[in-house]
Amino acid sequence: MAKSDHISETPATQLLRAHKIAFTEHPYAYVEHGGAQHSAEVLGLDPFSVVKTLVMEDERAKPLIVLMHGNRAVSLKNLARQIGCKSVAPCKPEVANRHSGYLVGGTSPFATRKSMPVYIEAAILELPRIAINGGRRGYLVGLDPQVCVQLLDAKPVNCAIPL
């Protein structure tokens, strides 16, 4: 990588490097509210393999992370039922920022400020490779989805619904 192409470290990439996890870097021009669909389009990736990191909370306001395909939404009822909660709802952006230590739109599941349980849509684990946020807006990292289980103890769930 040429010096001009260097991307500064984030807590997420520092964690991946510390664990000797091989990953590729995919910077792109961030667009407010563009989401995973936008990043997939700009980078020429299948939105099904671009994984979004969603910070949610249960009925007791206990935070959790859901990893979902870029072109799917989360069935909150199905998720709550599978993880043994009465309800699950997305956190407000400022609350998600506080829990994760990242700005919404740049949230990585790796090296979050607060330790939170991580749930991953089961079909993601069947993919050969995923692109997931590297800890900054406009920056994805490509890696083996099993890394999410190894480093985050991510538990598989089946809660994807079409957008």
N, C-alpha and C. Protein backbone atom coordinates (compact mmCIF):
# COMPACT_ATOMS: atom_id res chain seq x y z
N MET A 1 0.86 -1.18 0.00
CA MET A 1 0.00 0.00 0.00
C MET A 1 0.89 1.23 0.00
N ALA A 2 0.66 2.13 -0.90
CA ALA A 2 1.43 3.37 -0.98
C ALA A 2 1.16 4.23 0.24
N LYS A 3 2.12 5.04 0.62
CA LYS A 3 1.97 5.88 1.81
C LYS A 3 0.74 6.78 1.71
N SER A 4 0.43 7.29 0.52
CA SER A 4 -0.73 8.17 0.37
C SER A 4 -2.05 7.42 0.55
N ASP A 5 -2.02 6.08 0.41
CA ASP A 5 -3.23 5.29 0.57
C ASP A 5 -3.43 4.81 2.00
N HIS A 6 -2.48 5.15 2.89
CA HIS A 6 -2.55 4.66 4.26
C HIS A 6 -3.82 5.17 4.96
N ILE A 7 -4.43 4.27 5.71
CA ILE A 7 -5.62 4.61 6.48
C ILE A 7 -5.23 4.50 7.95
N SER A 8 -5.49 5.55 8.72
CA SER A 8 -5.07 5.53 10.11
C SER A 8 -5.85 4.46 10.89
N GLU A 9 -5.19 3.97 11.92
CA GLU A 9 -5.77 2.92 12.74
C GLU A 9 -7.04 3.39 13.46
N THR A 10 -7.90 2.44 13.73
CA THR A 10 -9.07 2.67 14.57
C THR A 10 -8.97 1.64 15.69
N PRO A 11 -9.73 1.79 16.77
CA PRO A 11 -9.71 0.75 17.79
C PRO A 11 -10.04 -0.64 17.20
N ALA A 12 -10.94 -0.66 16.20
CA ALA A 12 -11.32 -1.93 15.57
C ALA A 12 -10.15 -2.56 14.84
N THR A 13 -9.43 -1.78 14.02
CA THR A 13 -8.31 -2.36 13.27
C THR A 13 -7.15 -2.71 14.21
N GLN A 14 -6.98 -1.95 15.28
CA GLN A 14 -5.94 -2.29 16.26
C GLN A 14 -6.24 -3.66 16.89
N LEU A 15 -7.52 -3.91 17.21
CA LEU A 15 -7.92 -5.19 17.80
C LEU A 15 -7.69 -6.33 16.79
N LEU A 16 -8.10 -6.11 15.54
CA LEU A 16 -7.92 -7.14 14.52
C LEU A 16 -6.43 -7.47 14.33
N ARG A 17 -5.59 -6.43 14.26
CA ARG A 17 -4.15 -6.65 14.10
C ARG A 17 -3.56 -7.36 15.32
N ALA A 18 -3.99 -6.97 16.52
CA ALA A 18 -3.48 -7.59 17.74
C ALA A 18 -3.78 -9.09 17.78
N HIS A 19 -4.89 -9.48 17.17
CA HIS A 19 -5.28 -10.90 17.13
C HIS A 19 -4.82 -11.58 15.84
N LYS A 20 -3.99 -10.87 15.06
CA LYS A 20 -3.45 -11.39 13.81
C LYS A 20 -4.54 -11.87 12.84
N ILE A 21 -5.60 -11.09 12.76
CA ILE A 21 -6.71 -11.36 11.85
C ILE A 21 -6.40 -10.70 10.51
N ALA A 22 -6.44 -11.48 9.44
CA ALA A 22 -6.21 -10.93 8.09
C ALA A 22 -7.47 -10.19 7.64
N PHE A 23 -7.29 -8.96 7.19
CA PHE A 23 -8.43 -8.20 6.67
C PHE A 23 -7.96 -7.27 5.56
N THR A 24 -8.91 -6.90 4.71
CA THR A 24 -8.62 -5.95 3.64
C THR A 24 -9.34 -4.64 3.99
N GLU A 25 -8.81 -3.53 3.49
CA GLU A 25 -9.38 -2.22 3.80
C GLU A 25 -10.11 -1.67 2.58
N HIS A 26 -11.30 -1.12 2.83
CA HIS A 26 -12.14 -0.61 1.75
C HIS A 26 -12.70 0.77 2.09
N PRO A 27 -11.91 1.82 1.88
CA PRO A 27 -12.42 3.17 2.13
C PRO A 27 -13.35 3.60 0.98
N TYR A 28 -14.32 4.45 1.30
CA TYR A 28 -15.23 4.99 0.29
C TYR A 28 -15.73 6.34 0.77
N ALA A 29 -16.33 7.09 -0.13
CA ALA A 29 -16.86 8.41 0.23
C ALA A 29 -18.17 8.22 1.00
N TYR A 30 -18.13 8.56 2.27
CA TYR A 30 -19.30 8.40 3.14
C TYR A 30 -20.40 9.38 2.76
N VAL A 31 -21.64 8.90 2.77
CA VAL A 31 -22.81 9.74 2.51
C VAL A 31 -23.75 9.57 3.70
N GLU A 32 -24.14 10.69 4.31
CA GLU A 32 -25.07 10.66 5.44
C GLU A 32 -26.32 9.89 5.05
N HIS A 33 -26.72 8.92 5.85
CA HIS A 33 -27.90 8.07 5.64
C HIS A 33 -27.79 7.18 4.39
N GLY A 34 -26.58 7.02 3.86
CA GLY A 34 -26.39 6.14 2.70
C GLY A 34 -26.48 4.67 3.07
N GLY A 35 -25.94 4.35 4.26
CA GLY A 35 -26.02 3.00 4.78
C GLY A 35 -25.25 1.97 3.98
N ALA A 36 -25.51 0.72 4.32
CA ALA A 36 -24.81 -0.41 3.72
C ALA A 36 -25.09 -0.52 2.23
N GLN A 37 -26.29 -0.16 1.81
CA GLN A 37 -26.63 -0.24 0.39
C GLN A 37 -25.71 0.69 -0.41
N HIS A 38 -25.50 1.91 0.09
CA HIS A 38 -24.64 2.87 -0.58
C HIS A 38 -23.19 2.37 -0.64
N SER A 39 -22.66 1.92 0.50
CA SER A 39 -21.27 1.47 0.52
C SER A 39 -21.08 0.28 -0.41
N ALA A 40 -22.05 -0.64 -0.45
CA ALA A 40 -21.95 -1.79 -1.35
C ALA A 40 -21.90 -1.34 -2.80
N GLU A 41 -22.76 -0.40 -3.14
CA GLU A 41 -22.82 0.10 -4.51
C GLU A 41 -21.51 0.78 -4.91
N VAL A 42 -21.01 1.65 -4.06
CA VAL A 42 -19.78 2.40 -4.35
C VAL A 42 -18.57 1.47 -4.46
N LEU A 43 -18.53 0.44 -3.60
CA LEU A 43 -17.39 -0.47 -3.59
C LEU A 43 -17.56 -1.66 -4.54
N GLY A 44 -18.73 -1.76 -5.19
CA GLY A 44 -18.97 -2.87 -6.11
C GLY A 44 -19.14 -4.20 -5.39
N LEU A 45 -19.73 -4.17 -4.20
CA LEU A 45 -19.94 -5.38 -3.41
C LEU A 45 -21.42 -5.76 -3.40
N ASP A 46 -21.68 -7.03 -3.13
CA ASP A 46 -23.05 -7.50 -2.98
C ASP A 46 -23.56 -7.00 -1.62
N PRO A 47 -24.69 -6.26 -1.57
CA PRO A 47 -25.18 -5.74 -0.29
C PRO A 47 -25.49 -6.84 0.73
N PHE A 48 -25.70 -8.07 0.25
CA PHE A 48 -25.96 -9.21 1.14
C PHE A 48 -24.70 -9.53 1.95
N SER A 49 -23.51 -9.23 1.40
CA SER A 49 -22.26 -9.54 2.10
C SER A 49 -21.68 -8.33 2.84
N VAL A 50 -22.33 -7.18 2.70
CA VAL A 50 -21.95 -6.00 3.49
C VAL A 50 -22.78 -6.06 4.76
N VAL A 51 -22.10 -6.11 5.89
CA VAL A 51 -22.78 -6.32 7.17
C VAL A 51 -22.86 -5.02 7.95
N LYS A 52 -24.09 -4.67 8.35
CA LYS A 52 -24.25 -3.46 9.15
C LYS A 52 -24.24 -3.82 10.64
N THR A 53 -23.70 -2.92 11.43
CA THR A 53 -23.60 -3.07 12.88
C THR A 53 -24.67 -2.19 13.51
N LEU A 54 -25.64 -2.81 14.14
CA LEU A 54 -26.77 -2.08 14.72
C LEU A 54 -26.73 -2.16 16.24
N VAL A 55 -26.73 -1.00 16.90
CA VAL A 55 -26.75 -0.97 18.37
C VAL A 55 -28.21 -0.84 18.79
N MET A 56 -28.66 -1.81 19.58
CA MET A 56 -30.04 -1.85 20.03
C MET A 56 -30.07 -1.99 21.54
N GLU A 57 -31.28 -1.97 22.09
CA GLU A 57 -31.41 -2.17 23.54
C GLU A 57 -32.65 -2.98 23.83
N ASP A 58 -32.59 -3.70 24.96
CA ASP A 58 -33.76 -4.48 25.35
C ASP A 58 -34.68 -3.63 26.22
N GLU A 59 -35.71 -4.25 26.77
CA GLU A 59 -36.71 -3.50 27.54
C GLU A 59 -36.14 -2.86 28.80
N ARG A 60 -34.98 -3.34 29.26
CA ARG A 60 -34.33 -2.76 30.44
C ARG A 60 -33.26 -1.74 30.04
N ALA A 61 -33.24 -1.35 28.75
CA ALA A 61 -32.26 -0.41 28.20
C ALA A 61 -30.85 -0.98 28.22
N LYS A 62 -30.74 -2.31 28.26
CA LYS A 62 -29.44 -2.98 28.21
C LYS A 62 -29.03 -3.08 26.74
N PRO A 63 -27.85 -2.54 26.38
CA PRO A 63 -27.46 -2.50 24.97
C PRO A 63 -27.00 -3.86 24.43
N LEU A 64 -27.16 -4.02 23.13
CA LEU A 64 -26.71 -5.21 22.42
C LEU A 64 -26.41 -4.82 20.99
N ILE A 65 -25.65 -5.67 20.30
CA ILE A 65 -25.30 -5.41 18.90
C ILE A 65 -25.91 -6.50 18.04
N VAL A 66 -26.46 -6.09 16.90
CA VAL A 66 -26.97 -7.03 15.91
C VAL A 66 -26.20 -6.79 14.61
N LEU A 67 -25.66 -7.86 14.06
CA LEU A 67 -24.97 -7.81 12.77
C LEU A 67 -25.93 -8.35 11.71
N MET A 68 -26.25 -7.51 10.72
CA MET A 68 -27.28 -7.85 9.74
C MET A 68 -26.79 -7.56 8.33
N HIS A 69 -27.29 -8.36 7.38
CA HIS A 69 -27.00 -8.12 5.96
C HIS A 69 -27.37 -6.68 5.61
N GLY A 70 -26.61 -6.09 4.70
CA GLY A 70 -26.86 -4.71 4.30
C GLY A 70 -28.19 -4.50 3.59
N ASN A 71 -28.74 -5.55 3.01
CA ASN A 71 -30.01 -5.41 2.28
C ASN A 71 -31.16 -6.11 3.00
N ARG A 72 -31.06 -6.23 4.31
CA ARG A 72 -32.12 -6.81 5.12
C ARG A 72 -32.36 -5.92 6.34
N ALA A 73 -33.52 -6.09 6.94
CA ALA A 73 -33.86 -5.40 8.18
C ALA A 73 -33.96 -6.45 9.28
N VAL A 74 -34.08 -5.99 10.52
CA VAL A 74 -34.20 -6.88 11.67
C VAL A 74 -35.67 -6.95 12.10
N SER A 75 -36.18 -8.17 12.22
CA SER A 75 -37.50 -8.36 12.82
C SER A 75 -37.28 -8.27 14.33
N LEU A 76 -37.69 -7.16 14.92
CA LEU A 76 -37.44 -6.94 16.35
C LEU A 76 -38.16 -7.96 17.22
N LYS A 77 -39.36 -8.36 16.81
CA LYS A 77 -40.11 -9.37 17.57
C LYS A 77 -39.39 -10.72 17.54
N ASN A 78 -38.95 -11.13 16.34
CA ASN A 78 -38.23 -12.41 16.24
C ASN A 78 -36.93 -12.37 17.03
N LEU A 79 -36.21 -11.26 16.94
CA LEU A 79 -34.96 -11.14 17.67
C LEU A 79 -35.21 -11.24 19.17
N ALA A 80 -36.16 -10.47 19.68
CA ALA A 80 -36.47 -10.49 21.11
C ALA A 80 -36.81 -11.90 21.58
N ARG A 81 -37.65 -12.58 20.82
CA ARG A 81 -38.06 -13.94 21.18
C ARG A 81 -36.84 -14.86 21.23
N GLN A 82 -35.95 -14.75 20.25
CA GLN A 82 -34.79 -15.65 20.19
C GLN A 82 -33.75 -15.40 21.28
N ILE A 83 -33.65 -14.17 21.74
CA ILE A 83 -32.63 -13.87 22.75
C ILE A 83 -33.22 -13.79 24.17
N GLY A 84 -34.51 -14.10 24.28
CA GLY A 84 -35.14 -14.16 25.60
C GLY A 84 -35.47 -12.82 26.22
N CYS A 85 -35.82 -11.84 25.40
CA CYS A 85 -36.20 -10.51 25.89
C CYS A 85 -37.68 -10.26 25.59
N LYS A 86 -38.26 -9.32 26.34
CA LYS A 86 -39.64 -8.93 26.05
C LYS A 86 -39.70 -8.09 24.79
N SER A 87 -38.71 -7.20 24.61
CA SER A 87 -38.69 -6.34 23.43
C SER A 87 -37.26 -5.88 23.15
N VAL A 88 -37.04 -5.51 21.90
CA VAL A 88 -35.77 -4.95 21.45
C VAL A 88 -36.10 -3.77 20.56
N ALA A 89 -35.33 -2.69 20.70
CA ALA A 89 -35.55 -1.51 19.87
C ALA A 89 -34.19 -0.88 19.55
N PRO A 90 -34.10 -0.19 18.41
CA PRO A 90 -32.85 0.50 18.10
C PRO A 90 -32.58 1.60 19.12
N CYS A 91 -31.32 1.81 19.44
CA CYS A 91 -30.94 2.91 20.32
C CYS A 91 -31.02 4.22 19.54
N LYS A 92 -31.26 5.30 20.24
CA LYS A 92 -31.14 6.63 19.62
C LYS A 92 -29.67 6.80 19.25
N PRO A 93 -29.38 7.55 18.16
CA PRO A 93 -27.98 7.69 17.73
C PRO A 93 -27.01 8.12 18.84
N GLU A 94 -27.40 9.10 19.65
CA GLU A 94 -26.48 9.57 20.69
C GLU A 94 -26.23 8.49 21.75
N VAL A 95 -27.23 7.64 22.01
CA VAL A 95 -27.07 6.54 22.97
C VAL A 95 -26.18 5.46 22.36
N ALA A 96 -26.40 5.15 21.09
CA ALA A 96 -25.57 4.16 20.39
C ALA A 96 -24.11 4.62 20.37
N ASN A 97 -23.88 5.90 20.11
CA ASN A 97 -22.53 6.46 20.12
C ASN A 97 -21.86 6.27 21.48
N ARG A 98 -22.61 6.53 22.55
CA ARG A 98 -22.07 6.39 23.91
C ARG A 98 -21.70 4.94 24.21
N HIS A 99 -22.59 4.00 23.85
CA HIS A 99 -22.33 2.58 24.14
C HIS A 99 -21.14 2.05 23.33
N SER A 100 -21.08 2.41 22.04
CA SER A 100 -20.08 1.80 21.16
C SER A 100 -18.75 2.55 21.15
N GLY A 101 -18.80 3.86 21.38
CA GLY A 101 -17.59 4.67 21.25
C GLY A 101 -17.32 5.08 19.82
N TYR A 102 -18.23 4.72 18.91
CA TYR A 102 -18.12 5.09 17.49
C TYR A 102 -19.31 5.96 17.12
N LEU A 103 -19.15 6.74 16.06
CA LEU A 103 -20.27 7.52 15.53
C LEU A 103 -21.17 6.61 14.71
N VAL A 104 -22.47 6.81 14.82
CA VAL A 104 -23.41 6.06 13.99
C VAL A 104 -23.02 6.30 12.53
N GLY A 105 -23.00 5.24 11.76
CA GLY A 105 -22.53 5.31 10.38
C GLY A 105 -21.08 4.85 10.29
N GLY A 106 -20.43 4.74 11.44
CA GLY A 106 -19.05 4.27 11.51
C GLY A 106 -18.87 3.27 12.63
N THR A 107 -19.97 2.64 13.05
CA THR A 107 -19.92 1.72 14.17
C THR A 107 -19.37 0.36 13.76
N SER A 108 -18.32 -0.05 14.44
CA SER A 108 -17.76 -1.38 14.25
C SER A 108 -18.13 -2.22 15.47
N PRO A 109 -18.34 -3.52 15.28
CA PRO A 109 -18.61 -4.36 16.45
C PRO A 109 -17.33 -4.68 17.23
N PHE A 110 -16.18 -4.36 16.64
CA PHE A 110 -14.89 -4.67 17.27
C PHE A 110 -14.41 -3.50 18.12
N ALA A 111 -13.95 -3.81 19.33
CA ALA A 111 -13.37 -2.81 20.24
C ALA A 111 -14.37 -1.71 20.60
N THR A 112 -15.57 -2.11 20.97
CA THR A 112 -16.56 -1.12 21.43
C THR A 112 -16.19 -0.64 22.82
N ARG A 113 -16.64 0.57 23.14
CA ARG A 113 -16.34 1.16 24.45
C ARG A 113 -16.91 0.29 25.57
N LYS A 114 -18.15 -0.14 25.39
CA LYS A 114 -18.84 -0.95 26.39
C LYS A 114 -18.95 -2.37 25.85
N SER A 115 -18.72 -3.35 26.70
CA SER A 115 -18.88 -4.74 26.28
C SER A 115 -20.37 -5.04 26.15
N MET A 116 -20.78 -5.54 24.99
CA MET A 116 -22.19 -5.83 24.73
C MET A 116 -22.31 -7.19 24.08
N PRO A 117 -23.42 -7.91 24.35
CA PRO A 117 -23.63 -9.16 23.63
C PRO A 117 -23.82 -8.86 22.14
N VAL A 118 -23.31 -9.76 21.30
CA VAL A 118 -23.39 -9.59 19.85
C VAL A 118 -24.19 -10.75 19.26
N TYR A 119 -25.15 -10.41 18.41
CA TYR A 119 -25.96 -11.40 17.70
C TYR A 119 -25.74 -11.19 16.21
N ILE A 120 -25.59 -12.30 15.49
CA ILE A 120 -25.28 -12.24 14.07
C ILE A 120 -26.32 -13.05 13.30
N GLU A 121 -26.86 -12.47 12.24
CA GLU A 121 -27.79 -13.21 11.40
C GLU A 121 -27.07 -14.46 10.91
N ALA A 122 -27.66 -15.63 11.13
CA ALA A 122 -26.99 -16.91 10.87
C ALA A 122 -26.46 -17.04 9.45
N ALA A 123 -27.19 -16.54 8.45
CA ALA A 123 -26.76 -16.68 7.05
C ALA A 123 -25.44 -15.94 6.78
N ILE A 124 -25.11 -14.95 7.58
CA ILE A 124 -23.84 -14.23 7.40
C ILE A 124 -22.68 -15.18 7.61
N LEU A 125 -22.83 -16.10 8.55
CA LEU A 125 -21.74 -17.04 8.86
C LEU A 125 -21.50 -18.04 7.74
N GLU A 126 -22.42 -18.14 6.80
CA GLU A 126 -22.27 -19.06 5.66
C GLU A 126 -21.53 -18.40 4.49
N LEU A 127 -21.34 -17.09 4.57
CA LEU A 127 -20.65 -16.37 3.49
C LEU A 127 -19.14 -16.62 3.57
N PRO A 128 -18.45 -16.64 2.42
CA PRO A 128 -17.00 -16.84 2.46
C PRO A 128 -16.26 -15.61 3.00
N ARG A 129 -16.83 -14.42 2.79
CA ARG A 129 -16.18 -13.17 3.19
C ARG A 129 -17.25 -12.10 3.37
N ILE A 130 -17.03 -11.22 4.32
CA ILE A 130 -17.95 -10.10 4.53
C ILE A 130 -17.17 -8.79 4.55
N ALA A 131 -17.88 -7.69 4.35
CA ALA A 131 -17.34 -6.35 4.54
C ALA A 131 -18.13 -5.75 5.70
N ILE A 132 -17.42 -5.27 6.70
CA ILE A 132 -18.06 -4.76 7.91
C ILE A 132 -17.33 -3.48 8.33
N ASN A 133 -18.00 -2.61 9.06
CA ASN A 133 -17.40 -1.32 9.39
C ASN A 133 -16.10 -1.49 10.17
N GLY A 134 -15.12 -0.71 9.78
CA GLY A 134 -13.80 -0.76 10.41
C GLY A 134 -13.60 0.28 11.49
N GLY A 135 -14.67 0.96 11.90
CA GLY A 135 -14.55 1.91 13.00
C GLY A 135 -14.51 3.36 12.60
N ARG A 136 -14.92 3.65 11.38
CA ARG A 136 -14.93 5.03 10.90
C ARG A 136 -15.95 5.12 9.77
N ARG A 137 -16.61 6.26 9.67
CA ARG A 137 -17.53 6.47 8.55
C ARG A 137 -16.74 6.41 7.24
N GLY A 138 -17.27 5.67 6.27
CA GLY A 138 -16.59 5.56 4.98
C GLY A 138 -15.44 4.58 4.97
N TYR A 139 -15.49 3.57 5.83
CA TYR A 139 -14.39 2.62 5.93
C TYR A 139 -14.88 1.24 6.33
N LEU A 140 -14.80 0.30 5.40
CA LEU A 140 -15.16 -1.09 5.68
C LEU A 140 -13.91 -1.94 5.67
N VAL A 141 -13.96 -3.05 6.40
CA VAL A 141 -12.89 -4.05 6.35
C VAL A 141 -13.50 -5.35 5.86
N GLY A 142 -12.75 -6.07 5.03
CA GLY A 142 -13.19 -7.36 4.52
C GLY A 142 -12.52 -8.45 5.32
N LEU A 143 -13.31 -9.42 5.77
CA LEU A 143 -12.75 -10.52 6.56
C LEU A 143 -13.66 -11.74 6.54
N ASP A 144 -13.17 -12.81 7.12
CA ASP A 144 -13.93 -14.05 7.24
C ASP A 144 -15.00 -13.82 8.32
N PRO A 145 -16.27 -14.14 8.06
CA PRO A 145 -17.31 -13.88 9.06
C PRO A 145 -17.12 -14.66 10.37
N GLN A 146 -16.36 -15.74 10.33
CA GLN A 146 -16.12 -16.52 11.56
C GLN A 146 -15.35 -15.70 12.59
N VAL A 147 -14.67 -14.65 12.15
CA VAL A 147 -13.96 -13.76 13.08
C VAL A 147 -14.94 -13.17 14.09
N CYS A 148 -16.17 -12.93 13.65
CA CYS A 148 -17.19 -12.36 14.55
C CYS A 148 -17.51 -13.31 15.70
N VAL A 149 -17.48 -14.60 15.42
CA VAL A 149 -17.71 -15.60 16.47
C VAL A 149 -16.46 -15.71 17.34
N GLN A 150 -15.29 -15.77 16.70
CA GLN A 150 -14.04 -15.94 17.45
C GLN A 150 -13.75 -14.77 18.38
N LEU A 151 -13.86 -13.54 17.88
CA LEU A 151 -13.47 -12.37 18.68
C LEU A 151 -14.61 -11.78 19.50
N LEU A 152 -15.84 -11.91 19.00
CA LEU A 152 -16.97 -11.24 19.65
C LEU A 152 -17.92 -12.19 20.36
N ASP A 153 -17.69 -13.50 20.20
CA ASP A 153 -18.59 -14.51 20.73
C ASP A 153 -20.02 -14.27 20.22
N ALA A 154 -20.11 -13.86 18.94
CA ALA A 154 -21.41 -13.56 18.33
C ALA A 154 -22.27 -14.82 18.28
N LYS A 155 -23.51 -14.67 18.69
CA LYS A 155 -24.47 -15.78 18.71
C LYS A 155 -25.36 -15.68 17.48
N PRO A 156 -25.52 -16.78 16.71
CA PRO A 156 -26.38 -16.75 15.52
C PRO A 156 -27.86 -16.62 15.88
N VAL A 157 -28.55 -15.81 15.10
CA VAL A 157 -30.01 -15.65 15.21
C VAL A 157 -30.59 -15.66 13.80
N ASN A 158 -31.90 -15.85 13.71
CA ASN A 158 -32.61 -15.81 12.45
C ASN A 158 -33.71 -14.76 12.56
N CYS A 159 -33.39 -13.52 12.20
CA CYS A 159 -34.35 -12.43 12.36
C CYS A 159 -34.36 -11.47 11.18
N ALA A 160 -33.78 -11.90 10.03
CA ALA A 160 -33.72 -11.03 8.86
C ALA A 160 -35.07 -10.98 8.16
N ILE A 161 -35.43 -9.78 7.72
CA ILE A 161 -36.62 -9.60 6.89
C ILE A 161 -36.23 -8.67 5.74
N PRO A 162 -36.94 -8.78 4.62
CA PRO A 162 -36.61 -7.90 3.47
C PRO A 162 -36.79 -6.43 3.85
N LEU A 163 -35.98 -5.58 3.22
CA LEU A 163 -36.11 -4.12 3.45
C LEU A 163 -37.39 -3.61 2.81
